[in-house]
Amino acid sequence: MSAFHDLNLRALDGQELPLAPFKGQVVLVVNVASKCGLTPQYAGLETLYQHYKDQGFSVLGLPCNQFAEQEPDSESAIREFCSLNYGVSFPMASKLEVNGAERHPLYRLLAGEGAEFPGDITWNFEKFLVGHDGRVLARFSPRTNPDDPSIIQAIEKALA
């Protein structure tokens, strides 16, 4: 397995969230926040998930409170907010750090030294497209909306 698929996270409900079951899938990894100007992107992420999930695609939401403390709530409050406001059904992990000394191993893999697309995460809703084999295929700016043609094309190419 790839390093990506070897990682384990914790889901918002407290259960283990191993990445091994994503082997063979294309995954859009997104650091998310509930109190951000970009929060409406949840709707587009859910639309992407629903449209492509039967083709081997998933979105993986990763709440982070590192940017202007825009994700201050508990995991249960985050889960409720996402469900009630955006109908989020894609997998969501518990809060983690994406930058700095406490950067989660997933983000060291995605954006750390030696990564395909290195550099600190710039804001909430930065996106990484991970291929079937766990390789990072693309990185998208927080301001690139989920329905942007560049994201759609990258997903469809990865699924082909």
Protein backbone atom coordinates (compact mmCIF):
# COMPACT_ATOMS: atom_id res chain seq x y z
CA MET A 1 0.00 0.00 0.00
CA SER A 2 0.97 3.62 -0.41
CA ALA A 3 1.92 5.85 2.49
CA PHE A 4 -1.46 7.58 2.08
CA HIS A 5 -3.34 4.30 2.55
CA ASP A 6 -1.23 3.37 5.58
CA LEU A 7 -2.52 6.34 7.60
CA ASN A 8 -5.27 6.28 10.19
CA LEU A 9 -7.46 9.19 11.21
CA ARG A 10 -10.29 9.54 13.69
CA ALA A 11 -13.76 10.27 12.32
CA LEU A 12 -16.02 13.02 13.69
CA ASP A 13 -17.99 10.36 15.56
CA GLY A 14 -14.83 9.19 17.36
CA GLN A 15 -14.48 5.95 15.41
CA GLU A 16 -11.27 4.97 13.65
CA LEU A 17 -11.04 6.24 10.06
CA PRO A 18 -8.30 4.22 8.34
CA LEU A 19 -7.38 5.35 4.83
CA ALA A 20 -6.73 1.76 3.66
CA PRO A 21 -10.35 1.34 2.43
CA PHE A 22 -9.74 4.24 0.03
CA LYS A 23 -7.19 2.13 -1.88
CA GLY A 24 -8.36 1.98 -5.48
CA GLN A 25 -10.43 5.16 -5.11
CA VAL A 26 -9.76 8.73 -6.15
CA VAL A 27 -10.01 11.03 -3.11
CA LEU A 28 -10.35 14.80 -2.87
CA VAL A 29 -8.80 15.72 0.50
CA VAL A 30 -10.03 19.09 1.80
CA ASN A 31 -9.29 20.98 5.01
CA VAL A 32 -12.62 22.49 6.02
CA ALA A 33 -14.08 25.02 8.46
CA SER A 34 -17.64 25.90 9.45
CA LYS A 35 -17.24 29.63 10.06
CA CYS A 36 -15.34 30.66 6.93
CA GLY A 37 -16.38 32.71 3.93
CA LEU A 38 -15.60 29.61 1.86
CA THR A 39 -17.83 27.32 3.96
CA PRO A 40 -20.53 27.22 1.22
CA GLN A 41 -18.06 25.04 -0.71
CA TYR A 42 -19.43 22.17 1.39
CA ALA A 43 -22.42 22.12 -0.98
CA GLY A 44 -20.20 21.74 -4.04
CA LEU A 45 -18.09 19.08 -2.34
CA GLU A 46 -21.23 17.09 -1.52
CA THR A 47 -22.42 17.45 -5.14
CA LEU A 48 -19.07 16.13 -6.40
CA TYR A 49 -19.23 13.25 -3.95
CA GLN A 50 -22.77 12.28 -4.98
CA HIS A 51 -22.00 12.57 -8.69
CA TYR A 52 -18.81 10.47 -8.72
CA LYS A 53 -19.02 8.18 -5.66
CA ASP A 54 -20.33 5.22 -7.66
CA GLN A 55 -17.31 5.54 -9.96
CA GLY A 56 -14.80 5.13 -7.14
CA PHE A 57 -14.49 8.70 -5.89
CA SER A 58 -14.70 10.15 -2.40
CA VAL A 59 -14.28 13.47 -0.66
CA LEU A 60 -12.48 13.44 2.67
CA GLY A 61 -13.22 16.47 4.87
CA LEU A 62 -10.65 17.42 7.48
CA PRO A 63 -11.75 20.16 9.89
CA CYS A 64 -8.98 22.53 10.94
CA ASN A 65 -9.03 25.48 13.34
CA GLN A 66 -5.66 26.96 12.31
CA PHE A 67 -7.00 29.75 10.09
CA ALA A 68 -8.52 32.61 12.10
CA GLU A 69 -10.05 30.00 14.43
CA GLN A 70 -12.87 29.38 11.97
CA GLU A 71 -13.51 25.81 13.20
CA PRO A 72 -13.80 26.26 16.99
CA ASP A 73 -16.65 23.83 17.61
CA SER A 74 -16.61 20.27 18.91
CA GLU A 75 -16.65 17.30 16.56
CA SER A 76 -20.34 16.65 17.30
CA ALA A 77 -21.22 20.29 16.55
CA ILE A 78 -19.23 20.15 13.30
CA ARG A 79 -21.03 16.95 12.25
CA GLU A 80 -24.43 18.47 13.04
CA PHE A 81 -23.61 21.74 11.23
CA CYS A 82 -22.43 19.94 8.09
CA SER A 83 -25.39 17.60 8.03
CA LEU A 84 -28.09 20.20 8.71
CA ASN A 85 -26.73 22.98 6.52
CA TYR A 86 -25.14 21.12 3.61
CA GLY A 87 -26.33 17.51 3.78
CA VAL A 88 -22.74 16.33 3.99
CA SER A 89 -22.52 12.55 3.67
CA PHE A 90 -18.86 12.16 2.67
CA PRO A 91 -16.33 10.99 5.30
CA MET A 92 -15.17 13.62 7.78
CA ALA A 93 -12.27 13.29 10.21
CA SER A 94 -11.89 14.96 13.57
CA LYS A 95 -9.99 18.24 13.74
CA LEU A 96 -6.31 18.19 12.90
CA GLU A 97 -3.37 20.51 12.27
CA VAL A 98 -2.36 21.11 8.64
CA ASN A 99 0.67 23.37 9.24
CA GLY A 100 3.39 23.86 11.82
CA ALA A 101 5.14 21.63 14.31
CA GLU A 102 1.96 19.65 15.03
CA ARG A 103 1.13 19.08 11.34
CA HIS A 104 -0.72 15.79 10.99
CA PRO A 105 1.21 13.03 9.16
CA LEU A 106 -1.36 13.19 6.35
CA TYR A 107 -0.46 16.81 5.69
CA ARG A 108 3.25 16.04 5.94
CA LEU A 109 2.63 13.56 3.13
CA LEU A 110 0.44 15.92 1.09
CA ALA A 111 2.36 19.17 1.47
CA GLY A 112 5.52 18.58 3.47
CA GLU A 113 9.12 18.49 2.39
CA GLY A 114 9.56 16.10 -0.53
CA ALA A 115 5.85 16.13 -1.42
CA GLU A 116 4.71 16.43 -5.03
CA PHE A 117 3.05 19.77 -4.18
CA PRO A 118 4.96 21.08 -1.13
CA GLY A 119 4.24 24.18 0.87
CA ASP A 120 2.10 25.29 3.76
CA ILE A 121 -1.66 25.12 3.46
CA THR A 122 -2.76 28.68 2.75
CA TRP A 123 -6.36 28.68 4.04
CA ASN A 124 -9.47 26.61 4.63
CA PHE A 125 -10.74 24.53 1.70
CA GLU A 126 -7.38 23.85 0.06
CA LYS A 127 -7.79 20.67 -1.96
CA PHE A 128 -5.55 17.73 -2.87
CA LEU A 129 -6.57 15.09 -5.41
CA VAL A 130 -5.17 11.67 -4.52
CA GLY A 131 -5.19 8.91 -7.13
CA HIS A 132 -6.13 5.22 -6.90
CA ASP A 133 -2.58 4.36 -5.86
CA GLY A 134 -2.30 7.03 -3.16
CA ARG A 135 -0.17 9.43 -5.21
CA VAL A 136 -1.05 13.12 -5.01
CA LEU A 137 -2.15 14.16 -8.50
CA ALA A 138 -3.10 17.81 -8.04
CA ARG A 139 -3.42 20.64 -5.55
CA PHE A 140 -6.10 23.31 -5.78
CA SER A 141 -6.35 26.72 -4.16
CA PRO A 142 -8.95 27.31 -1.44
CA ARG A 143 -10.65 29.75 -3.81
CA THR A 144 -11.03 27.09 -6.53
CA ASN A 145 -14.65 26.03 -6.16
CA PRO A 146 -15.50 22.31 -6.26
CA ASP A 147 -17.40 22.77 -9.53
CA ASP A 148 -14.44 24.47 -11.23
CA PRO A 149 -13.65 22.82 -14.59
CA SER A 150 -10.03 22.22 -13.50
CA ILE A 151 -11.22 20.07 -10.57
CA ILE A 152 -13.86 18.25 -12.63
CA GLN A 153 -11.32 17.47 -15.39
CA ALA A 154 -8.72 16.24 -12.88
CA ILE A 155 -11.26 13.96 -11.17
CA GLU A 156 -12.54 12.55 -14.46
CA LYS A 157 -9.00 11.95 -15.74
CA ALA A 158 -8.06 10.17 -12.49
CA LEU A 159 -11.20 8.01 -12.65
CA ALA A 160 -10.64 7.04 -16.32
